[in-house]
């Protein structure tokens, strides 16, 4: 009596090949190992390129001996708006701040961020309101949004340059956006 070997049947081989291909695609798309990875970043708060102004250029400086006077420090970054992250698709905590530097540049500073790592995470400014719960997962790409770059780390403090032409009167929401699945991990309303 002859026993059948099921792995030699062509239909079984096709099913196994399709299953392996499906598994490979799922692993590529979902990257489940990222749920267990952490990228920590701890950038210092930004400062303007020009850190001081000579005392001789200050109003009322006397002409004689002014060249020997020490430089006057320029004030540090000014906080323009702040917001606290709420969780969406993944638990997210932290604070977002828009800082204006002495030279006029603006920077988004995210502090004490704690969220999950994920595939293709981006930092966006959006004109859509922050909504709690599942309602907020998908709405932040409905209107205008501005990408500031890839998320530098899912834990810690990071700075993101805001382009000079960005309209911060309209773009009042910060989101950690997963571009691959079009979903917000968390968002903060700037006020």
Protein backbone atom coordinates (compact mmCIF):
# COMPACT_ATOMS: atom_id res chain seq x y z
CA UNK A 1 0.00 0.00 0.00
CA UNK A 2 1.27 3.38 -0.97
CA UNK A 3 0.93 6.41 1.34
CA UNK A 4 0.23 9.83 -0.07
CA UNK A 5 2.63 12.62 0.59
CA UNK A 6 0.49 15.76 0.91
CA UNK A 7 3.39 18.21 0.53
CA UNK A 8 4.08 16.96 -2.96
CA UNK A 9 0.65 17.82 -4.24
CA UNK A 10 0.78 21.00 -6.42
CA UNK A 11 -2.24 22.59 -4.72
CA UNK A 12 -0.61 22.30 -1.30
CA UNK A 13 2.57 23.89 -2.59
CA UNK A 14 0.59 26.82 -4.07
CA UNK A 15 -1.28 27.37 -0.79
CA UNK A 16 1.98 27.30 1.20
CA UNK A 17 3.66 29.74 -1.21
CA UNK A 18 0.70 32.14 -1.04
CA UNK A 19 0.65 31.88 2.75
CA UNK A 20 4.36 32.66 2.96
CA UNK A 21 3.98 35.63 0.60
CA UNK A 22 1.00 36.91 2.61
CA UNK A 23 2.95 36.64 5.85
CA UNK A 24 5.90 38.53 4.34
CA UNK A 25 3.61 41.35 3.13
CA UNK A 26 1.86 41.55 6.52
CA UNK A 27 5.19 41.75 8.36
CA UNK A 28 6.39 44.50 6.02
CA UNK A 29 3.21 46.57 6.39
CA UNK A 30 2.51 46.18 10.09
CA UNK A 31 6.06 45.81 11.43
CA UNK A 32 4.77 44.30 14.69
CA UNK A 33 8.24 44.26 16.28
CA UNK A 34 8.02 48.06 16.50
CA UNK A 35 5.55 47.66 19.36
CA UNK A 36 8.52 46.42 21.38
CA UNK A 37 11.17 48.92 20.24
CA UNK A 38 11.94 52.32 21.68
CA UNK A 39 13.85 55.19 20.12
CA UNK A 40 14.71 57.77 22.75
CA UNK A 41 15.83 61.27 21.79
CA UNK A 42 16.84 64.09 24.15
CA UNK A 43 17.56 67.24 22.17
CA UNK A 44 18.35 70.45 24.02
CA UNK A 45 15.93 73.36 23.62
CA UNK A 46 16.73 75.44 20.54
CA UNK A 47 18.63 78.71 20.63
CA UNK A 48 19.08 81.42 18.03
CA UNK A 49 22.22 81.41 15.90
CA UNK A 50 23.07 84.92 17.03
CA UNK A 51 23.52 84.51 20.78
CA UNK A 52 24.53 88.04 21.69
CA UNK A 53 24.42 91.63 20.55
CA UNK A 54 27.47 93.87 21.11
CA UNK A 55 26.81 96.57 23.70
CA UNK A 56 28.07 99.23 21.25
CA UNK A 57 25.05 98.60 19.01
CA UNK A 58 22.61 98.93 21.90
CA UNK A 59 20.62 102.17 21.98
CA UNK A 60 22.23 104.82 24.19
CA UNK A 61 25.68 103.23 24.17
CA UNK A 62 28.44 105.79 24.55
CA UNK A 63 30.85 106.06 21.65
CA UNK A 64 33.97 106.17 23.82
CA UNK A 65 34.94 102.83 25.37
CA UNK A 66 31.89 101.05 23.94
CA UNK A 67 34.03 98.57 21.99
CA UNK A 68 35.39 97.15 25.25
CA UNK A 69 31.94 96.60 26.78
CA UNK A 70 30.76 92.99 27.12
CA UNK A 71 28.06 91.63 24.84
CA UNK A 72 24.46 91.74 26.03
CA UNK A 73 22.72 88.36 25.94
CA UNK A 74 19.73 87.95 23.67
CA UNK A 75 16.67 86.57 25.40
CA UNK A 76 15.93 82.86 25.01
CA UNK A 77 13.13 81.36 22.97
CA UNK A 78 9.65 82.75 23.58
CA UNK A 79 6.78 80.26 23.96
CA UNK A 80 4.06 81.18 21.44
CA UNK A 81 1.65 78.26 22.02
CA UNK A 82 1.45 75.04 24.03
CA UNK A 83 -0.66 71.92 24.07
CA UNK A 84 -0.88 68.54 25.82
CA UNK A 85 -1.07 65.32 23.81
CA UNK A 86 -4.17 63.13 23.96
CA UNK A 87 -4.09 59.48 22.93
CA UNK A 88 -5.57 58.27 19.67
CA UNK A 89 -4.55 54.96 18.05
CA UNK A 90 -1.80 54.42 20.65
CA UNK A 91 -1.31 55.74 24.19
CA UNK A 92 0.49 59.07 23.80
CA UNK A 93 1.56 61.61 26.42
CA UNK A 94 3.74 64.71 26.32
CA UNK A 95 3.68 68.43 25.60
CA UNK A 96 3.99 70.38 22.36
CA UNK A 97 5.32 73.96 22.32
CA UNK A 98 5.77 76.44 19.51
CA UNK A 99 8.86 78.51 20.29
CA UNK A 100 9.95 81.72 18.58
CA UNK A 101 13.68 82.28 18.60
CA UNK A 102 15.35 85.67 18.90
CA UNK A 103 16.16 85.61 15.17
CA UNK A 104 12.45 85.10 14.27
CA UNK A 105 12.61 81.39 13.40
CA UNK A 106 9.92 79.16 14.89
CA UNK A 107 10.41 75.67 16.24
CA UNK A 108 7.99 73.00 17.41
CA UNK A 109 9.38 71.44 20.58
CA UNK A 110 7.90 68.18 21.78
CA UNK A 111 8.78 67.41 25.41
CA UNK A 112 8.37 64.27 27.51
CA UNK A 113 6.86 62.39 24.57
CA UNK A 114 5.89 58.81 25.30
CA UNK A 115 4.14 56.86 22.53
CA UNK A 116 4.52 53.59 20.65
CA UNK A 117 7.03 53.24 17.86
CA UNK A 118 5.45 52.56 14.51
CA UNK A 119 6.02 52.43 10.78
CA UNK A 120 6.51 55.76 9.00
CA UNK A 121 5.60 58.12 11.86
CA UNK A 122 5.57 61.82 10.97
CA UNK A 123 5.10 65.10 12.87
CA UNK A 124 2.36 67.25 11.38
CA UNK A 125 0.70 70.56 12.03
CA UNK A 126 -2.98 70.40 11.05
CA UNK A 127 -5.92 72.79 10.79
CA UNK A 128 -8.35 70.15 12.08
CA UNK A 129 -9.49 70.10 15.73
CA UNK A 130 -8.27 67.50 18.20
CA UNK A 131 -11.03 65.00 18.93
CA UNK A 132 -10.96 62.54 21.82
CA UNK A 133 -11.08 58.79 21.23
CA UNK A 134 -11.63 57.02 17.90
CA UNK A 135 -13.19 60.14 16.36
CA UNK A 136 -9.75 61.77 16.38
CA UNK A 137 -7.86 58.91 14.76
CA UNK A 138 -8.61 59.82 11.16
CA UNK A 139 -9.74 63.48 10.91
CA UNK A 140 -6.38 65.26 11.07
CA UNK A 141 -5.61 64.75 7.38
CA UNK A 142 -9.04 65.99 6.23
CA UNK A 143 -8.00 69.61 5.80
CA UNK A 144 -4.69 71.41 5.46
CA UNK A 145 -1.66 69.90 7.12
CA UNK A 146 2.06 70.59 7.10
CA UNK A 147 4.62 67.84 7.61
CA UNK A 148 7.59 68.89 9.76
CA UNK A 149 9.48 65.62 9.28
CA UNK A 150 9.79 62.10 10.55
CA UNK A 151 9.34 61.46 14.25
CA UNK A 152 12.87 61.52 15.70
CA UNK A 153 12.03 59.25 18.63
CA UNK A 154 8.96 57.86 20.34
CA UNK A 155 10.26 58.89 23.77
CA UNK A 156 11.92 62.10 24.94
CA UNK A 157 12.38 65.68 23.73
CA UNK A 158 12.83 66.80 20.12
CA UNK A 159 12.80 69.99 18.03
CA UNK A 160 11.23 70.41 14.57
CA UNK A 161 11.81 73.52 12.43
CA UNK A 162 8.62 75.26 11.29
CA UNK A 163 8.90 76.78 7.80
CA UNK A 164 8.81 80.59 7.74
CA UNK A 165 5.63 80.70 5.64
CA UNK A 166 3.60 78.37 7.90
CA UNK A 167 0.32 79.95 9.01
CA UNK A 168 0.13 79.13 12.70
CA UNK A 169 -3.20 80.93 13.00
CA UNK A 170 -4.78 78.05 11.02
CA UNK A 171 -2.44 75.16 11.85
CA UNK A 172 -3.38 74.82 15.54
CA UNK A 173 -2.97 71.05 16.04
CA UNK A 174 0.16 68.90 16.37
CA UNK A 175 -0.17 65.21 15.56
CA UNK A 176 2.07 62.16 15.53
CA UNK A 177 0.79 60.76 12.23
CA UNK A 178 1.31 57.25 10.87
CA UNK A 179 1.54 57.82 7.12
CA UNK A 180 1.39 54.12 6.28
CA UNK A 181 -2.04 53.62 7.89
CA UNK A 182 -3.33 57.23 7.79
CA UNK A 183 -3.99 57.35 11.51
CA UNK A 184 -3.04 59.64 14.41
CA UNK A 185 -1.13 58.08 17.29
CA UNK A 186 -1.82 61.20 19.39
CA UNK A 187 -2.47 64.91 19.00
CA UNK A 188 -2.20 68.20 20.91
CA UNK A 189 -4.29 71.35 20.44
CA UNK A 190 -2.10 74.46 20.50
CA UNK A 191 -3.37 77.42 22.49
